[in-house]
C-alpha atoms as a PDB file:
ATOM      1  CA  MET A   1     103.607 111.666 112.699  1.00  0.00           C
ATOM      2  CA  GLN A   2     106.094 110.400 110.107  1.00  0.00           C
ATOM      3  CA  GLY A   3     109.097 111.412 112.185  1.00  0.00           C
ATOM      4  CA  LEU A   4     107.722 109.946 115.393  1.00  0.00           C
ATOM      5  CA  THR A   5     106.476 106.668 113.932  1.00  0.00           C
ATOM      6  CA  GLU A   6     108.982 105.770 111.181  1.00  0.00           C
ATOM      7  CA  PHE A   7     111.476 104.094 113.493  1.00  0.00           C
ATOM      8  CA  LEU A   8     109.072 102.718 116.063  1.00  0.00           C
ATOM      9  CA  PRO A   9     107.325  99.462 115.058  1.00  0.00           C
ATOM     10  CA  VAL A  10     103.896 101.079 114.685  1.00  0.00           C
ATOM     11  CA  SER A  11     103.758 101.883 110.919  1.00  0.00           C
ATOM     12  CA  SER A  12     104.367 105.465 109.889  1.00  0.00           C
ATOM     13  CA  SER A  13     102.460 104.944 106.620  1.00  0.00           C
ATOM     14  CA  GLY A  14      99.429 103.680 108.526  1.00  0.00           C
ATOM     15  CA  HIS A  15      99.463 106.705 110.796  1.00  0.00           C
ATOM     16  CA  LEU A  16      99.789 109.058 107.820  1.00  0.00           C
ATOM     17  CA  VAL A  17      96.733 107.528 106.134  1.00  0.00           C
ATOM     18  CA  LEU A  18      94.807 107.506 109.400  1.00  0.00           C
ATOM     19  CA  PHE A  19      95.555 111.125 110.272  1.00  0.00           C
ATOM     20  CA  SER A  20      94.921 112.276 106.702  1.00  0.00           C
ATOM     21  CA  ALA A  21      91.480 110.656 106.826  1.00  0.00           C
ATOM     22  CA  GLY A  22      90.747 112.016 110.303  1.00  0.00           C
ATOM     23  CA  LEU A  23      91.761 115.559 109.344  1.00  0.00           C
ATOM     24  CA  GLY A  24      89.992 115.410 105.988  1.00  0.00           C
ATOM     25  CA  ILE A  25      93.225 115.832 104.022  1.00  0.00           C
ATOM     26  CA  GLU A  26      93.262 114.485 100.485  1.00  0.00           C
ATOM     27  CA  GLN A  27      96.760 113.678  99.231  1.00  0.00           C
ATOM     28  CA  ASP A  28      97.653 113.448  95.553  1.00  0.00           C
ATOM     29  CA  GLY A  29      99.166 109.986  95.374  1.00  0.00           C
ATOM     30  CA  ILE A  30     102.046 109.351  97.764  1.00  0.00           C
ATOM     31  CA  LEU A  31     104.280 112.340  96.944  1.00  0.00           C
ATOM     32  CA  PHE A  32     104.013 113.943 100.383  1.00  0.00           C
ATOM     33  CA  ASP A  33     104.471 110.532 101.999  1.00  0.00           C
ATOM     34  CA  VAL A  34     107.692 109.999 100.041  1.00  0.00           C
ATOM     35  CA  ALA A  35     108.905 113.518 100.906  1.00  0.00           C
ATOM     36  CA  VAL A  36     108.635 113.008 104.653  1.00  0.00           C
ATOM     37  CA  HIS A  37     110.197 109.581 104.249  1.00  0.00           C
ATOM     38  CA  VAL A  38     113.183 111.346 102.687  1.00  0.00           C
ATOM     39  CA  ALA A  39     113.434 113.423 105.875  1.00  0.00           C
ATOM     40  CA  THR A  40     113.671 110.283 107.971  1.00  0.00           C
ATOM     41  CA  LEU A  41     116.183 108.907 105.465  1.00  0.00           C
ATOM     42  CA  LEU A  42     118.355 111.895 106.335  1.00  0.00           C
ATOM     43  CA  ALA A  43     117.839 111.057 110.007  1.00  0.00           C
ATOM     44  CA  VAL A  44     119.210 107.555 109.353  1.00  0.00           C
ATOM     45  CA  LEU A  45     122.260 108.967 107.582  1.00  0.00           C
ATOM     46  CA  VAL A  46     122.939 111.320 110.491  1.00  0.00           C
ATOM     47  CA  PHE A  47     122.393 108.690 113.179  1.00  0.00           C
ATOM     48  CA  TYR A  48     124.492 106.011 111.441  1.00  0.00           C
ATOM     49  CA  ARG A  49     126.963 108.473 109.917  1.00  0.00           C
ATOM     50  CA  ALA A  50     130.019 106.577 111.207  1.00  0.00           C
ATOM     51  CA  ARG A  51     128.768 103.263 109.797  1.00  0.00           C
ATOM     52  CA  VAL A  52     127.745 104.840 106.485  1.00  0.00           C
ATOM     53  CA  ALA A  53     131.094 106.618 106.169  1.00  0.00           C
ATOM     54  CA  GLY A  54     132.902 103.352 106.904  1.00  0.00           C
ATOM     55  CA  LEU A  55     130.934 101.464 104.256  1.00  0.00           C
ATOM     56  CA  VAL A  56     131.460 104.162 101.621  1.00  0.00           C
ATOM     57  CA  SER A  57     135.159 104.442 102.409  1.00  0.00           C
ATOM     58  CA  GLY A  58     135.577 100.678 102.433  1.00  0.00           C
ATOM     59  CA  ALA A  59     133.778 100.316  99.105  1.00  0.00           C
ATOM     60  CA  LEU A  60     135.939 103.008  97.507  1.00  0.00           C
ATOM     61  CA  HIS A  61     139.052 101.220  98.736  1.00  0.00           C
ATOM     62  CA  GLY A  62     137.833  97.858  97.473  1.00  0.00           C
ATOM     63  CA  GLU A  63     137.296  96.249 100.893  1.00  0.00           C
ATOM     64  CA  SER A  64     135.387  92.995 100.430  1.00  0.00           C
ATOM     65  CA  GLU A  65     133.503  93.342 103.730  1.00  0.00           C
ATOM     66  CA  ALA A  66     132.037  96.714 102.746  1.00  0.00           C
ATOM     67  CA  TRP A  67     131.095  95.471  99.281  1.00  0.00           C
ATOM     68  CA  ARG A  68     129.514  92.325 100.705  1.00  0.00           C
ATOM     69  CA  TYR A  69     127.384  94.301 103.153  1.00  0.00           C
ATOM     70  CA  GLY A  70     126.374  96.781 100.462  1.00  0.00           C
ATOM     71  CA  LEU A  71     125.358  93.998  98.080  1.00  0.00           C
ATOM     72  CA  LYS A  72     123.261  92.439 100.831  1.00  0.00           C
ATOM     73  CA  LEU A  73     121.457  95.764 101.248  1.00  0.00           C
ATOM     74  CA  GLY A  74     120.852  95.821  97.499  1.00  0.00           C
ATOM     75  CA  LEU A  75     119.567  92.244  97.496  1.00  0.00           C
ATOM     76  CA  ALA A  76     117.214  93.027 100.367  1.00  0.00           C
ATOM     77  CA  THR A  77     115.785  95.956  98.408  1.00  0.00           C
ATOM     78  CA  LEU A  78     114.878  93.925  95.316  1.00  0.00           C
ATOM     79  CA  PRO A  79     111.569  92.409  96.568  1.00  0.00           C
ATOM     80  CA  ALA A  80     110.095  95.848  97.302  1.00  0.00           C
ATOM     81  CA  VAL A  81     111.305  97.186  93.952  1.00  0.00           C
ATOM     82  CA  VAL A  82     109.683  94.303  92.084  1.00  0.00           C
ATOM     83  CA  ALA A  83     106.450  94.674  94.065  1.00  0.00           C
ATOM     84  CA  VAL A  84     106.175  98.397  93.307  1.00  0.00           C
ATOM     85  CA  LEU A  85     107.023  97.999  89.617  1.00  0.00           C
ATOM     86  CA  LEU A  86     104.395  95.278  89.193  1.00  0.00           C
ATOM     87  CA  ALA A  87     101.628  96.838  91.282  1.00  0.00           C
ATOM     88  CA  ARG A  88     102.363 100.536  91.769  1.00  0.00           C
ATOM     89  CA  SER A  89      98.778 101.700  91.149  1.00  0.00           C
ATOM     90  CA  PHE A  90      97.420  99.124  93.568  1.00  0.00           C
ATOM     91  CA  PHE A  91      99.728 100.234  96.373  1.00  0.00           C
ATOM     92  CA  GLU A  92      99.069 103.920  95.722  1.00  0.00           C
ATOM     93  CA  GLY A  93      95.348 103.215  96.059  1.00  0.00           C
ATOM     94  CA  LEU A  94      95.938 101.812  99.534  1.00  0.00           C
ATOM     95  CA  TYR A  95      97.211 105.229 100.631  1.00  0.00           C
ATOM     96  CA  GLU A  96      93.928 106.990  99.895  1.00  0.00           C
ATOM     97  CA  SER A  97      91.612 107.890 102.784  1.00  0.00           C
ATOM     98  CA  GLU A  98      89.042 105.326 101.611  1.00  0.00           C
ATOM     99  CA  SER A  99      91.490 102.526 102.498  1.00  0.00           C
ATOM    100  CA  VAL A 100      91.387 103.050 106.259  1.00  0.00           C
ATOM    101  CA  GLY A 101      90.070  99.507 106.764  1.00  0.00           C
ATOM    102  CA  VAL A 102      93.242  98.106 105.213  1.00  0.00           C
ATOM    103  CA  VAL A 103      95.256 100.171 107.693  1.00  0.00           C
ATOM    104  CA  GLY A 104      93.367  98.600 110.594  1.00  0.00           C
ATOM    105  CA  LEU A 105      94.190  95.111 109.358  1.00  0.00           C
ATOM    106  CA  GLY A 106      97.797  96.184 108.870  1.00  0.00           C
ATOM    107  CA  PHE A 107      98.041  97.384 112.462  1.00  0.00           C
ATOM    108  CA  CYS A 108      96.732  94.032 113.733  1.00  0.00           C
ATOM    109  CA  PHE A 109      99.253  92.175 111.565  1.00  0.00           C
ATOM    110  CA  THR A 110     102.056  94.410 112.830  1.00  0.00           C
ATOM    111  CA  GLY A 111     101.077  93.642 116.414  1.00  0.00           C
ATOM    112  CA  ALA A 112     101.366  89.900 115.808  1.00  0.00           C
ATOM    113  CA  VAL A 113     104.757  90.282 114.128  1.00  0.00           C
ATOM    114  CA  VAL A 114     106.125  92.573 116.817  1.00  0.00           C
ATOM    115  CA  TYR A 115     104.882  90.379 119.664  1.00  0.00           C
ATOM    116  CA  SER A 116     106.694  87.380 118.179  1.00  0.00           C
ATOM    117  CA  THR A 117     110.002  89.055 119.069  1.00  0.00           C
ATOM    118  CA  ARG A 118     109.294  88.253 122.703  1.00  0.00           C
ATOM    119  CA  TRP A 119     110.621  84.774 121.960  1.00  0.00           C
ATOM    120  CA  THR A 120     113.104  85.422 119.152  1.00  0.00           C
ATOM    121  CA  LEU A 121     115.002  88.428 120.513  1.00  0.00           C
ATOM    122  CA  PRO A 122     116.740  86.659 123.446  1.00  0.00           C
ATOM    123  CA  CYS A 123     118.183  84.019 121.093  1.00  0.00           C
ATOM    124  CA  ALA A 124     119.403  86.355 118.340  1.00  0.00           C
ATOM    125  CA  GLU A 125     123.182  86.801 118.388  1.00  0.00           C
ATOM    126  CA  GLY A 126     124.354  86.981 114.739  1.00  0.00           C
ATOM    127  CA  ALA A 127     126.680  89.812 113.741  1.00  0.00           C
ATOM    128  CA  GLU A 128     124.924  90.470 110.409  1.00  0.00           C
ATOM    129  CA  PRO A 129     122.401  88.712 108.148  1.00  0.00           C
ATOM    130  CA  GLY A 130     123.577  86.172 105.606  1.00  0.00           C
ATOM    131  CA  TRP A 131     122.540  86.273 101.954  1.00  0.00           C
ATOM    132  CA  GLY A 132     119.400  84.226 102.464  1.00  0.00           C
ATOM    133  CA  ALA A 133     118.469  86.211 105.563  1.00  0.00           C
ATOM    134  CA  ALA A 134     118.966  89.478 103.667  1.00  0.00           C
ATOM    135  CA  LEU A 135     116.516  88.321 100.981  1.00  0.00           C
ATOM    136  CA  LEU A 136     113.920  87.283 103.574  1.00  0.00           C
ATOM    137  CA  ILE A 137     114.265  90.620 105.352  1.00  0.00           C
ATOM    138  CA  GLY A 138     113.713  92.240 101.973  1.00  0.00           C
ATOM    139  CA  LEU A 139     110.517  90.223 101.501  1.00  0.00           C
ATOM    140  CA  ALA A 140     109.347  91.513 104.883  1.00  0.00           C
ATOM    141  CA  GLN A 141     110.011  95.059 103.664  1.00  0.00           C
ATOM    142  CA  ALA A 142     107.928  94.403 100.554  1.00  0.00           C
ATOM    143  CA  VAL A 143     104.984  93.343 102.712  1.00  0.00           C
ATOM    144  CA  ALA A 144     105.387  96.569 104.681  1.00  0.00           C
ATOM    145  CA  ILE A 145     104.492  98.643 101.610  1.00  0.00           C
ATOM    146  CA  VAL A 146     100.909  98.083 102.763  1.00  0.00           C
ATOM    147  CA  PRO A 147      99.937 100.969 105.089  1.00  0.00           C
ATOM    148  CA  GLY A 148      99.517  99.802 108.661  1.00  0.00           C
ATOM    149  CA  VAL A 149     102.281  97.206 108.326  1.00  0.00           C
ATOM    150  CA  SER A 150     105.379  98.554 110.042  1.00  0.00           C
ATOM    151  CA  ARG A 151     108.539  98.464 107.922  1.00  0.00           C
ATOM    152  CA  SER A 152     110.864  98.669 110.917  1.00  0.00           C
ATOM    153  CA  GLY A 153     108.744  96.184 112.858  1.00  0.00           C
ATOM    154  CA  THR A 154     108.549  93.514 110.164  1.00  0.00           C
ATOM    155  CA  THR A 155     112.166  93.797 108.994  1.00  0.00           C
ATOM    156  CA  VAL A 156     113.685  93.847 112.492  1.00  0.00           C
ATOM    157  CA  ALA A 157     111.384  91.022 113.599  1.00  0.00           C
ATOM    158  CA  MET A 158     112.435  88.978 110.571  1.00  0.00           C
ATOM    159  CA  GLY A 159     116.090  89.633 111.348  1.00  0.00           C
ATOM    160  CA  LEU A 160     115.640  88.547 114.951  1.00  0.00           C
ATOM    161  CA  ALA A 161     113.767  85.410 113.875  1.00  0.00           C
ATOM    162  CA  LEU A 162     116.715  84.554 111.606  1.00  0.00           C
ATOM    163  CA  GLY A 163     119.168  84.937 114.488  1.00  0.00           C
ATOM    164  CA  VAL A 164     120.543  88.426 113.790  1.00  0.00           C
ATOM    165  CA  ALA A 165     121.406  90.325 116.982  1.00  0.00           C
ATOM    166  CA  PRO A 166     119.059  93.225 117.882  1.00  0.00           C
ATOM    167  CA  ALA A 167     121.489  96.080 117.172  1.00  0.00           C
ATOM    168  CA  ALA A 168     122.681  94.452 113.931  1.00  0.00           C
ATOM    169  CA  ALA A 169     119.101  93.775 112.798  1.00  0.00           C
ATOM    170  CA  ALA A 170     118.116  97.398 113.460  1.00  0.00           C
ATOM    171  CA  GLU A 171     121.175  98.730 111.648  1.00  0.00           C
ATOM    172  CA  PHE A 172     120.534  96.560 108.586  1.00  0.00           C
ATOM    173  CA  SER A 173     116.848  97.501 108.566  1.00  0.00           C
ATOM    174  CA  PHE A 174     117.459 101.232 108.720  1.00  0.00           C
ATOM    175  CA  LEU A 175     120.349 101.253 106.230  1.00  0.00           C
ATOM    176  CA  MET A 176     118.180  99.169 103.902  1.00  0.00           C
ATOM    177  CA  SER A 177     115.510 101.861 104.155  1.00  0.00           C
ATOM    178  CA  VAL A 178     117.938 104.363 102.611  1.00  0.00           C
ATOM    179  CA  VAL A 179     118.001 102.376  99.369  1.00  0.00           C
ATOM    180  CA  ALA A 180     114.236 101.772  99.414  1.00  0.00           C
ATOM    181  CA  ILE A 181     113.309 105.417 100.031  1.00  0.00           C
ATOM    182  CA  LEU A 182     115.683 106.665  97.352  1.00  0.00           C
ATOM    183  CA  GLY A 183     114.032 104.257  94.937  1.00  0.00           C
ATOM    184  CA  ALA A 184     110.571 105.516  95.899  1.00  0.00           C
ATOM    185  CA  LEU A 185     111.729 109.085  95.346  1.00  0.00           C
ATOM    186  CA  VAL A 186     113.001 108.242  91.851  1.00  0.00           C
ATOM    187  CA  LEU A 187     109.583 106.806  90.966  1.00  0.00           C
ATOM    188  CA  GLN A 188     107.959 110.094  92.006  1.00  0.00           C
ATOM    189  CA  LEU A 189     110.282 112.396  90.044  1.00  0.00           C
ATOM    190  CA  SER A 190     107.934 112.448  87.067  1.00  0.00           C
ATOM    191  CA  ASP A 191     105.189 113.935  89.273  1.00  0.00           C
ATOM    192  CA  LEU A 192     107.228 116.854  90.623  1.00  0.00           C
ATOM    193  CA  GLY A 193     106.513 119.221  87.739  1.00  0.00           C
ATOM    194  CA  GLY A 194     102.820 119.435  88.617  1.00  0.00           C
ATOM    195  CA  VAL A 195     103.335 120.389  92.258  1.00  0.00           C
ATOM    196  CA  SER A 196     102.261 123.937  93.162  1.00  0.00           C
ATOM    197  CA  ALA A 197     104.385 126.406  95.135  1.00  0.00           C
ATOM    198  CA  GLN A 198     101.936 126.133  98.038  1.00  0.00           C
ATOM    199  CA  ALA A 199     102.305 122.350  98.032  1.00  0.00           C
ATOM    200  CA  TRP A 200     106.108 122.674  98.019  1.00  0.00           C
ATOM    201  CA  ALA A 201     105.890 124.940 101.083  1.00  0.00           C
ATOM    202  CA  ALA A 202     103.812 122.351 102.930  1.00  0.00           C
ATOM    203  CA  ILE A 203     106.207 119.595 101.891  1.00  0.00           C
ATOM    204  CA  GLY A 204     109.160 121.665 103.142  1.00  0.00           C
ATOM    205  CA  VAL A 205     107.580 122.125 106.557  1.00  0.00           C
ATOM    206  CA  GLY A 206     106.780 118.420 106.721  1.00  0.00           C
ATOM    207  CA  VAL A 207     110.335 117.437 105.815  1.00  0.00           C
ATOM    208  CA  GLY A 208     111.880 119.704 108.467  1.00  0.00           C
ATOM    209  CA  VAL A 209     109.624 118.510 111.267  1.00  0.00           C
ATOM    210  CA  ALA A 210     109.984 114.855 110.257  1.00  0.00           C
ATOM    211  CA  LEU A 211     113.780 115.142 110.286  1.00  0.00           C
ATOM    212  CA  VAL A 212     113.945 116.448 113.849  1.00  0.00           C
ATOM    213  CA  ALA A 213     111.285 114.067 115.157  1.00  0.00           C
ATOM    214  CA  GLY A 214     112.906 111.161 113.302  1.00  0.00           C
ATOM    215  CA  LEU A 215     116.260 111.682 115.008  1.00  0.00           C
ATOM    216  CA  ALA A 216     114.559 111.657 118.407  1.00  0.00           C
ATOM    217  CA  ALA A 217     112.530 108.550 117.559  1.00  0.00           C
ATOM    218  CA  LEU A 218     115.573 106.702 116.229  1.00  0.00           C
ATOM    219  CA  TRP A 219     117.480 107.368 119.438  1.00  0.00           C
ATOM    220  CA  LEU A 220     114.482 106.129 121.441  1.00  0.00           C
ATOM    221  CA  PHE A 221     114.107 103.018 119.279  1.00  0.00           C
ATOM    222  CA  VAL A 222     117.691 101.891 119.876  1.00  0.00           C
ATOM    223  CA  ARG A 223     117.335 102.414 123.614  1.00  0.00           C
ATOM    224  CA  LEU A 224     114.113 100.402 123.743  1.00  0.00           C
ATOM    225  CA  LEU A 225     115.583  97.623 121.624  1.00  0.00           C
ATOM    226  CA  ARG A 226     118.530  97.303 123.992  1.00  0.00           C
ATOM    227  CA  GLY A 227     116.069  97.175 126.865  1.00  0.00           C
ATOM    228  CA  ARG A 228     114.371  94.155 125.207  1.00  0.00           C
ATOM    229  CA  VAL A 229     110.872  95.666 125.325  1.00  0.00           C
ATOM    230  CA  PHE A 230     110.317  95.634 121.565  1.00  0.00           C
ATOM    231  CA  HIS A 231     107.335  93.271 121.803  1.00  0.00           C
ATOM    232  CA  ARG A 232     105.366  95.661 124.011  1.00  0.00           C
ATOM    233  CA  PHE A 233     104.535  97.847 121.047  1.00  0.00           C
ATOM    234  CA  ALA A 234     101.980  95.179 120.118  1.00  0.00           C
ATOM    235  CA  TRP A 235      99.813  96.479 122.952  1.00  0.00           C
ATOM    236  CA  TYR A 236      99.654  99.813 121.129  1.00  0.00           C
ATOM    237  CA  VAL A 237      98.976  98.672 117.559  1.00  0.00           C
ATOM    238  CA  TRP A 238      96.482  95.923 118.452  1.00  0.00           C
ATOM    239  CA  PRO A 239      93.955  98.237 120.160  1.00  0.00           C
ATOM    240  CA  LEU A 240      94.611 100.886 117.514  1.00  0.00           C
ATOM    241  CA  GLY A 241      93.905  98.414 114.717  1.00  0.00           C
ATOM    242  CA  ALA A 242      90.740  97.188 116.451  1.00  0.00           C
ATOM    243  CA  CYS A 243      89.484 100.756 116.872  1.00  0.00           C
ATOM    244  CA  VAL A 244      90.208 101.574 113.227  1.00  0.00           C
ATOM    245  CA  LEU A 245      88.326  98.484 112.045  1.00  0.00           C
ATOM    246  CA  LEU A 246      85.406  99.226 114.362  1.00  0.00           C
ATOM    247  CA  TRP A 247      85.234 102.815 113.125  1.00  0.00           C
ATOM    248  CA  THR A 248      85.507 101.737 109.482  1.00  0.00           C
ATOM    249  CA  TYR A 249      82.695  99.220 109.557  1.00  0.00           C
ATOM    250  CA  THR A 250      80.272 101.165 111.758  1.00  0.00           C
ATOM    251  CA  ARG A 251      80.528 104.680 110.309  1.00  0.00           C
END
């Protein structure tokens, strides 16, 4: 589920919580969630390998364009970092199976955000986000810490609303995720010592599957974005969110 939903604007974190609750799986914090996010991070690095190599090479050679773009990625990551440092326990609690109702609300919010691109996408032509736009995209990423709120959906939608071209908005969003996921992994390092060998085996399987599925989903995302049908994903997350809320409050 992580690999298939990370790059589509449907919230991978929301699906992980939903499927964990449906299958009766109790996760210890968000360690497994971070692990499969690392797999999709690797998918980003593979998919955008030419762009990543160009940025790294440019930075090493002191090219101002590469440094400027890299600093924008760093700036966009700050809001999520601050949010997690200030309210880590609160966000971790949202990933427990008892928080399914929050996921339903998140799906509905994601639908509204994604559907807004129906009007913003045709007018977006910027080559890359400016400094202010990068910060606002970062704020959108911070909101997407809540399960059910799509990180790719909110950040790409914010980029489009600020006039960034579809391909450029997607590239910035996914490269920004590399920094965010690495940061999340660092926060979890202190918990790794208590993980059993059986848990590591399960995590390994999850990482491998998520990597392969993530590459396929990323390729599909770019094709759909070019086809200007991004907003149609709202018709998936809206009914899903309504069903989750109905199930939560009637069980």
